[in-house]
Amino acid sequence: MSGRRHPLAVVAVLAASTALLPAPAARAADPAPHLAIALDDGREHARPGDRLTWTVTLRNLGAEPVTGLRVAQDLPAGARPVTASGDAAPGAGQPAWDGLTLDPGATRTLTATAELTETGPEVLRASSTACAYQGDSRQPLVCASHLDLLPAGEPVAAPDGRGRLLPLVGAAAAGGAVAAGAWALLRARRRRAS
């Protein structure tokens, strides 16, 4: 009988090994709301002096209403705020909307307009980020970013028309890096809060 294993022995070993595993963590009593956010100004390129209007779209994907929401948008460096929808408060040069409520499946659209000021040659993109928070928390529930290419970041074509692809690939990689960084930061903060 050497070389053959008894089926009950295998089951006993598996049962004993699972008994040594730690118990699953208890679910949080108050899970974070399920929200989605998008930020867009309908453009991909901008110049100093342009007025950009961003649309922030916030949606409740959960089955419960979400109350006490605060949405704050960071404008591009040097941008001058012009207008914002609703009762937005210009918190330190950035629009912020407080006391929002979203019912299950509901969508809320907010807008902010700013004028881009003159930027130096080292500034390649105008970036804006909007985040949603609950109550007085400084930990965002969800964030979105948008980038517009500035003249200093425009690809320079070689005389024969080549050379346009590499800067576009770089811009796409930078956008992906920003999105991945925001995702990783949000995930780390959620783990820390648990």
N, C-alpha and C. Protein backbone atom coordinates (compact mmCIF):
# COMPACT_ATOMS: atom_id res chain seq x y z
N MET A 1 0.81 -1.18 0.00
CA MET A 1 0.00 0.00 0.00
C MET A 1 0.85 1.24 0.00
N SER A 2 2.16 1.08 -0.01
CA SER A 2 2.95 2.28 -0.05
C SER A 2 2.78 2.94 -1.42
N GLY A 3 2.76 4.27 -1.44
CA GLY A 3 2.56 5.00 -2.68
C GLY A 3 1.12 5.41 -2.88
N ARG A 4 0.16 4.73 -2.23
CA ARG A 4 -1.25 5.11 -2.35
C ARG A 4 -1.64 5.93 -1.14
N ARG A 5 -2.44 6.93 -1.36
CA ARG A 5 -2.91 7.77 -0.26
C ARG A 5 -4.36 7.47 -0.01
N HIS A 6 -4.68 7.50 1.22
CA HIS A 6 -6.04 7.23 1.60
C HIS A 6 -6.85 8.54 1.49
N PRO A 7 -8.02 8.52 0.80
CA PRO A 7 -8.80 9.75 0.60
C PRO A 7 -9.19 10.44 1.91
N LEU A 8 -9.48 9.68 2.96
CA LEU A 8 -9.86 10.30 4.22
C LEU A 8 -8.68 11.03 4.86
N ALA A 9 -7.48 10.55 4.65
CA ALA A 9 -6.30 11.21 5.20
C ALA A 9 -6.10 12.56 4.53
N VAL A 10 -6.33 12.63 3.22
CA VAL A 10 -6.19 13.90 2.49
C VAL A 10 -7.23 14.90 2.99
N VAL A 11 -8.46 14.45 3.17
CA VAL A 11 -9.51 15.33 3.67
C VAL A 11 -9.17 15.81 5.08
N ALA A 12 -8.64 14.93 5.92
CA ALA A 12 -8.29 15.31 7.29
C ALA A 12 -7.18 16.36 7.29
N VAL A 13 -6.19 16.20 6.42
CA VAL A 13 -5.10 17.18 6.33
C VAL A 13 -5.64 18.52 5.86
N LEU A 14 -6.51 18.55 4.86
CA LEU A 14 -7.09 19.80 4.37
C LEU A 14 -7.93 20.47 5.45
N ALA A 15 -8.71 19.70 6.18
CA ALA A 15 -9.54 20.27 7.24
C ALA A 15 -8.68 20.88 8.33
N ALA A 16 -7.60 20.18 8.71
CA ALA A 16 -6.72 20.69 9.76
C ALA A 16 -6.01 21.96 9.30
N SER A 17 -5.61 22.04 8.02
CA SER A 17 -4.89 23.21 7.56
C SER A 17 -5.81 24.43 7.49
N THR A 18 -7.07 24.25 7.14
CA THR A 18 -7.98 25.40 7.10
C THR A 18 -8.35 25.86 8.50
N ALA A 19 -8.29 24.98 9.47
CA ALA A 19 -8.58 25.37 10.85
C ALA A 19 -7.52 26.32 11.38
N LEU A 20 -6.31 26.29 10.82
CA LEU A 20 -5.23 27.14 11.27
C LEU A 20 -5.28 28.54 10.65
N LEU A 21 -6.10 28.74 9.63
CA LEU A 21 -6.21 30.04 8.99
C LEU A 21 -6.93 31.02 9.90
N PRO A 22 -6.54 32.30 9.83
CA PRO A 22 -7.24 33.28 10.67
C PRO A 22 -8.67 33.47 10.19
N ALA A 23 -9.53 33.84 11.13
CA ALA A 23 -10.94 34.07 10.79
C ALA A 23 -11.03 35.31 9.91
N PRO A 24 -11.99 35.36 8.99
CA PRO A 24 -12.14 36.54 8.14
C PRO A 24 -12.47 37.76 9.00
N ALA A 25 -11.94 38.90 8.58
CA ALA A 25 -12.19 40.13 9.33
C ALA A 25 -13.66 40.48 9.28
N ALA A 26 -14.14 41.02 10.37
CA ALA A 26 -15.55 41.42 10.42
C ALA A 26 -15.76 42.61 9.48
N ARG A 27 -16.90 42.65 8.85
CA ARG A 27 -17.22 43.74 7.94
C ARG A 27 -17.43 45.01 8.76
N ALA A 28 -17.03 46.11 8.18
CA ALA A 28 -17.22 47.39 8.84
C ALA A 28 -18.71 47.66 9.01
N ALA A 29 -19.08 48.22 10.14
CA ALA A 29 -20.49 48.50 10.41
C ALA A 29 -21.02 49.58 9.49
N ASP A 30 -20.17 50.52 9.09
CA ASP A 30 -20.59 51.62 8.26
C ASP A 30 -19.67 51.70 7.04
N PRO A 31 -19.93 50.90 6.00
CA PRO A 31 -19.04 50.89 4.84
C PRO A 31 -19.09 52.23 4.11
N ALA A 32 -18.01 52.53 3.42
CA ALA A 32 -17.93 53.78 2.66
C ALA A 32 -18.98 53.78 1.55
N PRO A 33 -19.53 54.95 1.26
CA PRO A 33 -20.52 55.04 0.18
C PRO A 33 -19.90 54.63 -1.16
N HIS A 34 -20.73 54.13 -2.05
CA HIS A 34 -20.28 53.73 -3.39
C HIS A 34 -20.57 54.88 -4.34
N LEU A 35 -19.54 55.67 -4.64
CA LEU A 35 -19.68 56.84 -5.49
C LEU A 35 -18.79 56.72 -6.71
N ALA A 36 -19.19 57.39 -7.78
CA ALA A 36 -18.35 57.54 -8.97
C ALA A 36 -18.26 59.03 -9.25
N ILE A 37 -17.10 59.46 -9.74
CA ILE A 37 -16.91 60.87 -10.07
C ILE A 37 -16.17 60.98 -11.39
N ALA A 38 -16.52 62.01 -12.16
CA ALA A 38 -15.84 62.28 -13.42
C ALA A 38 -15.59 63.78 -13.50
N LEU A 39 -14.51 64.17 -14.15
CA LEU A 39 -14.15 65.57 -14.33
C LEU A 39 -13.72 65.77 -15.77
N ASP A 40 -14.31 66.77 -16.44
CA ASP A 40 -13.97 67.00 -17.85
C ASP A 40 -14.24 68.46 -18.19
N ASP A 41 -13.42 69.02 -19.06
CA ASP A 41 -13.68 70.37 -19.56
C ASP A 41 -13.94 70.37 -21.07
N GLY A 42 -14.06 69.17 -21.64
CA GLY A 42 -14.39 69.06 -23.06
C GLY A 42 -13.24 69.43 -23.99
N ARG A 43 -12.05 69.57 -23.45
CA ARG A 43 -10.90 69.96 -24.25
C ARG A 43 -9.72 69.04 -23.96
N GLU A 44 -8.75 69.11 -24.85
CA GLU A 44 -7.49 68.41 -24.63
C GLU A 44 -6.30 69.36 -24.65
N HIS A 45 -6.52 70.56 -25.20
CA HIS A 45 -5.47 71.57 -25.32
C HIS A 45 -5.98 72.89 -24.77
N ALA A 46 -5.09 73.68 -24.18
CA ALA A 46 -5.47 74.99 -23.64
C ALA A 46 -4.28 75.93 -23.77
N ARG A 47 -4.60 77.23 -23.70
CA ARG A 47 -3.58 78.27 -23.77
C ARG A 47 -3.83 79.28 -22.65
N PRO A 48 -2.78 79.96 -22.19
CA PRO A 48 -3.00 81.03 -21.22
C PRO A 48 -4.02 82.04 -21.79
N GLY A 49 -4.92 82.48 -20.92
CA GLY A 49 -5.98 83.39 -21.34
C GLY A 49 -7.28 82.67 -21.63
N ASP A 50 -7.23 81.35 -21.87
CA ASP A 50 -8.46 80.58 -22.13
C ASP A 50 -9.29 80.48 -20.86
N ARG A 51 -10.60 80.50 -21.05
CA ARG A 51 -11.53 80.21 -19.96
C ARG A 51 -11.97 78.77 -20.11
N LEU A 52 -11.73 77.99 -19.09
CA LEU A 52 -12.08 76.58 -19.10
C LEU A 52 -13.23 76.35 -18.14
N THR A 53 -14.23 75.59 -18.58
CA THR A 53 -15.36 75.23 -17.72
C THR A 53 -15.34 73.73 -17.52
N TRP A 54 -15.11 73.33 -16.27
CA TRP A 54 -15.07 71.92 -15.92
C TRP A 54 -16.44 71.47 -15.45
N THR A 55 -16.80 70.26 -15.81
CA THR A 55 -18.02 69.63 -15.32
C THR A 55 -17.61 68.49 -14.40
N VAL A 56 -18.10 68.56 -13.16
CA VAL A 56 -17.87 67.50 -12.18
C VAL A 56 -19.17 66.72 -12.11
N THR A 57 -19.11 65.42 -12.40
CA THR A 57 -20.30 64.57 -12.33
C THR A 57 -20.11 63.56 -11.22
N LEU A 58 -21.00 63.59 -10.25
CA LEU A 58 -20.93 62.71 -9.09
C LEU A 58 -22.16 61.82 -9.10
N ARG A 59 -21.97 60.50 -8.92
CA ARG A 59 -23.09 59.56 -8.98
C ARG A 59 -23.03 58.60 -7.80
N ASN A 60 -24.21 58.35 -7.20
CA ASN A 60 -24.33 57.40 -6.10
C ASN A 60 -24.64 56.03 -6.70
N LEU A 61 -23.69 55.11 -6.61
CA LEU A 61 -23.85 53.76 -7.14
C LEU A 61 -24.42 52.80 -6.10
N GLY A 62 -24.60 53.28 -4.89
CA GLY A 62 -25.06 52.42 -3.80
C GLY A 62 -26.56 52.36 -3.68
N ALA A 63 -27.01 51.62 -2.67
CA ALA A 63 -28.44 51.41 -2.43
C ALA A 63 -28.97 52.33 -1.33
N GLU A 64 -28.10 53.13 -0.73
CA GLU A 64 -28.49 54.04 0.35
C GLU A 64 -28.20 55.48 -0.05
N PRO A 65 -28.99 56.43 0.47
CA PRO A 65 -28.67 57.84 0.22
C PRO A 65 -27.32 58.20 0.87
N VAL A 66 -26.61 59.14 0.26
CA VAL A 66 -25.34 59.61 0.81
C VAL A 66 -25.56 61.09 1.16
N THR A 67 -25.36 61.42 2.42
CA THR A 67 -25.59 62.79 2.88
C THR A 67 -24.29 63.41 3.34
N GLY A 68 -24.31 64.73 3.47
CA GLY A 68 -23.14 65.44 4.00
C GLY A 68 -21.95 65.41 3.08
N LEU A 69 -22.18 65.34 1.77
CA LEU A 69 -21.06 65.29 0.83
C LEU A 69 -20.47 66.68 0.61
N ARG A 70 -19.18 66.69 0.44
CA ARG A 70 -18.44 67.91 0.09
C ARG A 70 -17.60 67.57 -1.13
N VAL A 71 -17.69 68.39 -2.17
CA VAL A 71 -16.88 68.21 -3.37
C VAL A 71 -15.96 69.41 -3.48
N ALA A 72 -14.67 69.16 -3.61
CA ALA A 72 -13.67 70.22 -3.75
C ALA A 72 -12.87 69.99 -5.02
N GLN A 73 -12.65 71.05 -5.77
CA GLN A 73 -11.90 70.94 -7.02
C GLN A 73 -10.64 71.79 -6.92
N ASP A 74 -9.51 71.16 -7.18
CA ASP A 74 -8.24 71.89 -7.28
C ASP A 74 -8.10 72.36 -8.71
N LEU A 75 -7.94 73.66 -8.90
CA LEU A 75 -7.79 74.23 -10.23
C LEU A 75 -6.32 74.16 -10.64
N PRO A 76 -6.04 74.30 -11.94
CA PRO A 76 -4.63 74.30 -12.36
C PRO A 76 -3.84 75.41 -11.67
N ALA A 77 -2.57 75.19 -11.50
CA ALA A 77 -1.70 76.20 -10.87
C ALA A 77 -1.83 77.51 -11.63
N GLY A 78 -2.08 78.58 -10.89
CA GLY A 78 -2.17 79.90 -11.48
C GLY A 78 -3.50 80.23 -12.12
N ALA A 79 -4.46 79.31 -12.13
CA ALA A 79 -5.77 79.60 -12.72
C ALA A 79 -6.53 80.55 -11.81
N ARG A 80 -7.27 81.47 -12.43
CA ARG A 80 -8.07 82.43 -11.67
C ARG A 80 -9.53 82.00 -11.72
N PRO A 81 -10.14 81.65 -10.55
CA PRO A 81 -11.54 81.24 -10.55
C PRO A 81 -12.44 82.36 -11.07
N VAL A 82 -13.44 81.99 -11.88
CA VAL A 82 -14.37 82.96 -12.44
C VAL A 82 -15.77 82.72 -11.88
N THR A 83 -16.34 81.53 -12.10
CA THR A 83 -17.67 81.21 -11.60
C THR A 83 -17.72 79.75 -11.19
N ALA A 84 -18.76 79.42 -10.41
CA ALA A 84 -19.02 78.03 -10.04
C ALA A 84 -20.53 77.89 -9.86
N SER A 85 -21.04 76.71 -10.14
CA SER A 85 -22.48 76.48 -10.06
C SER A 85 -22.96 76.42 -8.62
N GLY A 86 -24.26 76.66 -8.47
CA GLY A 86 -24.89 76.52 -7.16
C GLY A 86 -24.32 77.44 -6.13
N ASP A 87 -24.21 76.94 -4.93
CA ASP A 87 -23.71 77.75 -3.82
C ASP A 87 -22.28 77.36 -3.48
N ALA A 88 -21.46 77.20 -4.49
CA ALA A 88 -20.06 76.82 -4.27
C ALA A 88 -19.33 77.93 -3.53
N ALA A 89 -18.50 77.52 -2.60
CA ALA A 89 -17.67 78.46 -1.85
C ALA A 89 -16.26 78.40 -2.42
N PRO A 90 -15.66 79.54 -2.75
CA PRO A 90 -14.29 79.52 -3.28
C PRO A 90 -13.28 79.35 -2.16
N GLY A 91 -13.05 78.12 -1.75
CA GLY A 91 -12.12 77.82 -0.67
C GLY A 91 -10.69 77.92 -1.13
N ALA A 92 -10.00 79.00 -0.76
CA ALA A 92 -8.59 79.21 -1.10
C ALA A 92 -8.35 79.08 -2.60
N GLY A 93 -9.25 79.69 -3.40
CA GLY A 93 -9.05 79.67 -4.85
C GLY A 93 -9.55 78.42 -5.52
N GLN A 94 -10.19 77.55 -4.79
CA GLN A 94 -10.74 76.33 -5.40
C GLN A 94 -12.22 76.27 -5.08
N PRO A 95 -13.03 75.91 -6.06
CA PRO A 95 -14.46 75.78 -5.77
C PRO A 95 -14.73 74.59 -4.86
N ALA A 96 -15.69 74.74 -3.96
CA ALA A 96 -16.08 73.65 -3.05
C ALA A 96 -17.58 73.73 -2.83
N TRP A 97 -18.22 72.60 -2.89
CA TRP A 97 -19.67 72.49 -2.69
C TRP A 97 -19.89 71.66 -1.44
N ASP A 98 -20.65 72.18 -0.49
CA ASP A 98 -20.87 71.50 0.80
C ASP A 98 -22.33 71.09 0.97
N GLY A 99 -22.54 70.09 1.83
CA GLY A 99 -23.89 69.69 2.22
C GLY A 99 -24.70 69.03 1.12
N LEU A 100 -24.05 68.34 0.21
CA LEU A 100 -24.77 67.69 -0.88
C LEU A 100 -25.34 66.35 -0.42
N THR A 101 -26.49 65.98 -0.99
CA THR A 101 -27.12 64.68 -0.74
C THR A 101 -27.38 64.02 -2.08
N LEU A 102 -27.07 62.73 -2.16
CA LEU A 102 -27.32 61.96 -3.37
C LEU A 102 -28.13 60.73 -3.02
N ASP A 103 -29.31 60.62 -3.60
CA ASP A 103 -30.14 59.43 -3.41
C ASP A 103 -29.56 58.28 -4.21
N PRO A 104 -29.94 57.04 -3.93
CA PRO A 104 -29.43 55.89 -4.69
C PRO A 104 -29.69 56.08 -6.19
N GLY A 105 -28.64 55.89 -6.99
CA GLY A 105 -28.75 56.02 -8.44
C GLY A 105 -28.75 57.44 -8.94
N ALA A 106 -28.76 58.42 -8.06
CA ALA A 106 -28.83 59.83 -8.47
C ALA A 106 -27.48 60.33 -8.95
N THR A 107 -27.55 61.33 -9.84
CA THR A 107 -26.36 61.98 -10.37
C THR A 107 -26.46 63.47 -10.08
N ARG A 108 -25.36 64.09 -9.72
CA ARG A 108 -25.30 65.54 -9.48
C ARG A 108 -24.20 66.10 -10.35
N THR A 109 -24.52 67.17 -11.08
CA THR A 109 -23.54 67.81 -11.96
C THR A 109 -23.23 69.20 -11.43
N LEU A 110 -21.94 69.49 -11.30
CA LEU A 110 -21.45 70.77 -10.80
C LEU A 110 -20.51 71.35 -11.85
N THR A 111 -20.44 72.66 -11.95
CA THR A 111 -19.52 73.27 -12.92
C THR A 111 -18.70 74.36 -12.26
N ALA A 112 -17.51 74.55 -12.78
CA ALA A 112 -16.62 75.62 -12.33
C ALA A 112 -15.88 76.16 -13.54
N THR A 113 -15.75 77.48 -13.61
CA THR A 113 -15.03 78.12 -14.71
C THR A 113 -13.86 78.90 -14.14
N ALA A 114 -12.72 78.80 -14.81
CA ALA A 114 -11.53 79.54 -14.40
C ALA A 114 -10.79 79.99 -15.66
N GLU A 115 -10.02 81.05 -15.49
CA GLU A 115 -9.20 81.56 -16.60
C GLU A 115 -7.75 81.16 -16.34
N LEU A 116 -7.14 80.58 -17.36
CA LEU A 116 -5.74 80.19 -17.23
C LEU A 116 -4.87 81.44 -17.33
N THR A 117 -3.91 81.55 -16.44
CA THR A 117 -2.98 82.67 -16.48
C THR A 117 -1.72 82.25 -17.23
N GLU A 118 -0.85 83.18 -17.44
CA GLU A 118 0.40 82.91 -18.15
C GLU A 118 1.22 81.89 -17.36
N THR A 119 1.76 80.92 -18.04
CA THR A 119 2.58 79.90 -17.39
C THR A 119 3.97 79.93 -18.00
N GLY A 120 4.91 79.42 -17.27
CA GLY A 120 6.27 79.37 -17.77
C GLY A 120 6.47 78.22 -18.75
N PRO A 121 7.61 78.19 -19.42
CA PRO A 121 7.87 77.14 -20.41
C PRO A 121 8.00 75.75 -19.80
N GLU A 122 8.19 75.68 -18.48
CA GLU A 122 8.33 74.37 -17.83
C GLU A 122 6.98 73.73 -17.53
N VAL A 123 5.88 74.48 -17.65
CA VAL A 123 4.56 73.95 -17.37
C VAL A 123 3.98 73.37 -18.66
N LEU A 124 3.81 72.05 -18.69
CA LEU A 124 3.38 71.36 -19.90
C LEU A 124 1.89 71.10 -19.95
N ARG A 125 1.26 71.00 -18.77
CA ARG A 125 -0.16 70.63 -18.71
C ARG A 125 -0.88 71.44 -17.64
N ALA A 126 -2.14 71.73 -17.91
CA ALA A 126 -3.02 72.32 -16.90
C ALA A 126 -3.82 71.16 -16.32
N SER A 127 -3.63 70.90 -15.04
CA SER A 127 -4.31 69.75 -14.43
C SER A 127 -5.27 70.23 -13.35
N SER A 128 -6.40 69.55 -13.28
CA SER A 128 -7.41 69.83 -12.26
C SER A 128 -7.86 68.51 -11.67
N THR A 129 -8.15 68.51 -10.38
CA THR A 129 -8.62 67.32 -9.68
C THR A 129 -9.83 67.68 -8.83
N ALA A 130 -10.84 66.84 -8.86
CA ALA A 130 -12.02 67.01 -8.01
C ALA A 130 -12.17 65.77 -7.14
N CYS A 131 -12.44 65.98 -5.85
CA CYS A 131 -12.62 64.88 -4.91
C CYS A 131 -13.90 65.09 -4.11
N ALA A 132 -14.53 63.98 -3.74
CA ALA A 132 -15.72 64.01 -2.89
C ALA A 132 -15.35 63.48 -1.52
N TYR A 133 -15.81 64.17 -0.48
CA TYR A 133 -15.56 63.82 0.91
C TYR A 133 -16.90 63.71 1.62
N GLN A 134 -16.91 63.03 2.74
CA GLN A 134 -18.14 62.97 3.54
C GLN A 134 -17.89 63.68 4.86
N GLY A 135 -18.77 64.63 5.18
CA GLY A 135 -18.65 65.38 6.42
C GLY A 135 -17.36 66.18 6.45
N ASP A 136 -16.72 66.16 7.62
CA ASP A 136 -15.48 66.92 7.80
C ASP A 136 -14.23 66.09 7.50
N SER A 137 -14.42 64.90 6.97
CA SER A 137 -13.29 64.02 6.69
C SER A 137 -12.33 64.66 5.68
N ARG A 138 -11.06 64.43 5.89
CA ARG A 138 -10.04 64.89 4.94
C ARG A 138 -9.64 63.76 4.00
N GLN A 139 -10.23 62.60 4.20
CA GLN A 139 -9.95 61.43 3.35
C GLN A 139 -10.99 61.40 2.24
N PRO A 140 -10.57 61.49 0.98
CA PRO A 140 -11.56 61.48 -0.10
C PRO A 140 -12.20 60.12 -0.28
N LEU A 141 -13.47 60.15 -0.65
CA LEU A 141 -14.19 58.92 -1.00
C LEU A 141 -13.85 58.52 -2.42
N VAL A 142 -13.71 59.52 -3.31
CA VAL A 142 -13.44 59.27 -4.72
C VAL A 142 -12.88 60.55 -5.33
N CYS A 143 -11.99 60.42 -6.32
CA CYS A 143 -11.37 61.57 -6.99
C CYS A 143 -11.30 61.32 -8.50
N ALA A 144 -11.23 62.40 -9.26
CA ALA A 144 -11.02 62.33 -10.70
C ALA A 144 -10.13 63.50 -11.10
N SER A 145 -9.33 63.30 -12.16
CA SER A 145 -8.44 64.35 -12.66
C SER A 145 -8.63 64.54 -14.15
N HIS A 146 -8.27 65.74 -14.62
CA HIS A 146 -8.32 66.04 -16.04
C HIS A 146 -7.08 66.87 -16.39
N LEU A 147 -6.47 66.57 -17.54
CA LEU A 147 -5.28 67.28 -18.01
C LEU A 147 -5.56 67.92 -19.36
N ASP A 148 -5.08 69.16 -19.56
CA ASP A 148 -5.09 69.82 -20.85
C ASP A 148 -3.65 70.13 -21.21
N LEU A 149 -3.27 69.83 -22.42
CA LEU A 149 -1.92 70.10 -22.90
C LEU A 149 -1.77 71.59 -23.16
N LEU A 150 -0.72 72.20 -22.62
CA LEU A 150 -0.42 73.62 -22.84
C LEU A 150 0.57 73.75 -24.00
N PRO A 151 0.75 74.97 -24.54
CA PRO A 151 1.67 75.14 -25.68
C PRO A 151 3.06 74.58 -25.45
N ALA A 152 3.60 74.71 -24.23
CA ALA A 152 4.94 74.19 -23.95
C ALA A 152 4.99 72.66 -24.04
N GLY A 153 3.84 72.01 -23.90
CA GLY A 153 3.79 70.56 -23.97
C GLY A 153 3.42 70.01 -25.33
N GLU A 154 3.14 70.91 -26.29
CA GLU A 154 2.76 70.47 -27.64
C GLU A 154 3.93 69.75 -28.29
N PRO A 155 3.65 68.68 -29.01
CA PRO A 155 4.73 67.97 -29.70
C PRO A 155 5.31 68.83 -30.82
N VAL A 156 6.59 68.75 -30.97
CA VAL A 156 7.27 69.47 -32.04
C VAL A 156 7.57 68.47 -33.15
N ALA A 157 7.04 68.72 -34.32
CA ALA A 157 7.23 67.81 -35.44
C ALA A 157 8.56 68.08 -36.13
N ALA A 158 9.19 67.02 -36.56
CA ALA A 158 10.39 67.14 -37.37
C ALA A 158 9.98 67.69 -38.73
N PRO A 159 10.91 68.27 -39.48
CA PRO A 159 10.55 68.84 -40.77
C PRO A 159 9.82 67.87 -41.70
N ASP A 160 10.09 66.59 -41.57
CA ASP A 160 9.41 65.62 -42.44
C ASP A 160 8.10 65.11 -41.83
N GLY A 161 7.65 65.70 -40.70
CA GLY A 161 6.38 65.32 -40.10
C GLY A 161 6.49 64.23 -39.05
N ARG A 162 7.67 63.65 -38.87
CA ARG A 162 7.84 62.61 -37.85
C ARG A 162 7.98 63.24 -36.48
N GLY A 163 7.90 62.47 -35.48
CA GLY A 163 8.15 62.95 -34.13
C GLY A 163 6.89 63.31 -33.36
N ARG A 164 5.72 63.07 -33.89
CA ARG A 164 4.49 63.42 -33.19
C ARG A 164 4.04 62.33 -32.22
N LEU A 165 4.39 61.10 -32.47
CA LEU A 165 3.88 60.00 -31.66
C LEU A 165 4.50 59.95 -30.27
N LEU A 166 5.80 60.16 -30.16
CA LEU A 166 6.47 60.02 -28.87
C LEU A 166 5.92 60.96 -27.81
N PRO A 167 5.72 62.28 -28.08
CA PRO A 167 5.14 63.13 -27.03
C PRO A 167 3.72 62.71 -26.65
N LEU A 168 2.95 62.20 -27.58
CA LEU A 168 1.60 61.75 -27.25
C LEU A 168 1.64 60.53 -26.34
N VAL A 169 2.57 59.63 -26.61
CA VAL A 169 2.73 58.45 -25.75
C VAL A 169 3.15 58.91 -24.35
N GLY A 170 4.04 59.90 -24.27
CA GLY A 170 4.46 60.43 -22.98
C GLY A 170 3.31 61.06 -22.22
N ALA A 171 2.47 61.82 -22.93
CA ALA A 171 1.31 62.44 -22.28
C ALA A 171 0.35 61.37 -21.77
N ALA A 172 0.13 60.32 -22.57
CA ALA A 172 -0.75 59.24 -22.14
C ALA A 172 -0.17 58.53 -20.91
N ALA A 173 1.14 58.31 -20.90
CA ALA A 173 1.78 57.67 -19.76
C ALA A 173 1.66 58.54 -18.51
N ALA A 174 1.83 59.85 -18.66
CA ALA A 174 1.71 60.76 -17.52
C ALA A 174 0.29 60.74 -16.98
N GLY A 175 -0.69 60.77 -17.87
CA GLY A 175 -2.09 60.70 -17.43
C GLY A 175 -2.38 59.40 -16.71
N GLY A 176 -1.86 58.30 -17.24
CA GLY A 176 -2.04 57.00 -16.58
C GLY A 176 -1.36 56.96 -15.22
N ALA A 177 -0.20 57.60 -15.11
CA ALA A 177 0.50 57.62 -13.83
C ALA A 177 -0.28 58.43 -12.80
N VAL A 178 -0.87 59.55 -13.22
CA VAL A 178 -1.68 60.36 -12.30
C VAL A 178 -2.88 59.55 -11.82
N ALA A 179 -3.56 58.88 -12.76
CA ALA A 179 -4.74 58.08 -12.40
C ALA A 179 -4.35 56.93 -11.47
N ALA A 180 -3.25 56.24 -11.78
CA ALA A 180 -2.80 55.13 -10.95
C ALA A 180 -2.41 55.62 -9.55
N GLY A 181 -1.74 56.77 -9.49
CA GLY A 181 -1.35 57.33 -8.20
C GLY A 181 -2.55 57.70 -7.36
N ALA A 182 -3.56 58.32 -7.98
CA ALA A 182 -4.78 58.68 -7.26
C ALA A 182 -5.49 57.44 -6.75
N TRP A 183 -5.54 56.39 -7.58
CA TRP A 183 -6.19 55.14 -7.18
C TRP A 183 -5.46 54.51 -6.01
N ALA A 184 -4.11 54.47 -6.08
CA ALA A 184 -3.33 53.86 -5.02
C ALA A 184 -3.47 54.64 -3.72
N LEU A 185 -3.48 55.96 -3.80
CA LEU A 185 -3.65 56.79 -2.61
C LEU A 185 -5.01 56.55 -1.97
N LEU A 186 -6.04 56.52 -2.78
CA LEU A 186 -7.39 56.30 -2.26
C LEU A 186 -7.50 54.92 -1.62
N ARG A 187 -6.92 53.91 -2.27
CA ARG A 187 -6.96 52.54 -1.73
C ARG A 187 -6.21 52.45 -0.40
N ALA A 188 -5.06 53.11 -0.31
CA ALA A 188 -4.26 53.08 0.92
C ALA A 188 -5.01 53.77 2.05
N ARG A 189 -5.67 54.88 1.73
CA ARG A 189 -6.41 55.59 2.77
C ARG A 189 -7.60 54.78 3.24
N ARG A 190 -8.27 54.08 2.33
CA ARG A 190 -9.40 53.25 2.74
C ARG A 190 -8.94 52.11 3.62
N ARG A 191 -7.78 51.52 3.30
CA ARG A 191 -7.26 50.43 4.14
C ARG A 191 -6.90 50.94 5.53
N ARG A 192 -6.31 52.15 5.59
CA ARG A 192 -5.92 52.73 6.85
C ARG A 192 -7.14 53.05 7.70
N ALA A 193 -8.24 53.43 7.06
CA ALA A 193 -9.46 53.78 7.80
C ALA A 193 -10.15 52.55 8.35
N SER A 194 -9.91 51.40 7.76
CA SER A 194 -10.60 50.16 8.19
C SER A 194 -10.11 49.68 9.52
